[in-house]
Every structure is written in C-alpha cells, then in structure tokens.
Amino acid sequence: QVQLVESGGGLVQAGGSLRVSCAASGSIFSITVLHWYRQAPGKQREWVAYITSDGRTNYADSVKGRFTISRDNTKNTAYLQMNSLKPEDTAVYYCRVVDNWGQGTQVTVSS
C-alpha cells in the first residue's frame, strides 16, 4: 500500500510556471512507475506523464516540451514541473502508483 499526497498547486497566469509534488509513503515507491494525471471540470481524467524507477519518462502530446516529470527516490517524492502554462492546463492534478491515488492538487491558469 502506498499513500500519496500532492501539493504545490495554485493560480498562475498563462505563460507562467508551477511545480507540483507527490510525496509517497511506502517502500515500493522507488521500484515502481509513477504517473501524473489531470482532470478538468466536466472532463474525464487524462494521463499526463509517467516516470519509471530508473528515470525513463513519457508524456502526453498536449504537454510534451512544456512539462517535465522527475523523481527523488531518496525523498519518496515525484515532481511535475509545468512551464508555458495555458488556460487549458487548468485541472486537478493527481499522481498514481499502481492502483493508489492521491487526493489531487488544483492548478488554475488564468488567461
């Protein structure tokens, strides 16, 4: 069992940057893939990015080149650095490890 807590969301203007974090408890964090998802109002949750235990990454086309996922296994924490933010990036951002989800953190991008 892994418990996940996201933080770092907030309000930012279009073109700005924000970094959200996902702090995990549980020993499996360092050996598993971590995913970031987001859910905008009235829309289905969508996958954003993942990072493997050895640092390989992949991104949704909508965020490629703007977002960077990373992890620090010594701190059991993962990050999503979001640059060049757009209003359409407004959503609640969630992290997932196996079938464990955090509670989400709200990111709002104003135009």
Foldseek 3Di string as FASTA:
>chain_A
DKAKAKDWADEEAAQAKTKMKIAMDDDCLLQFKKWKWWDDPPGDIGTAKIAGSVGDIDGDPVQPPFWDKDDDVVRNMIMIIGGNDDQVVFTWMWMDTPHYIYPTDTHGYHD
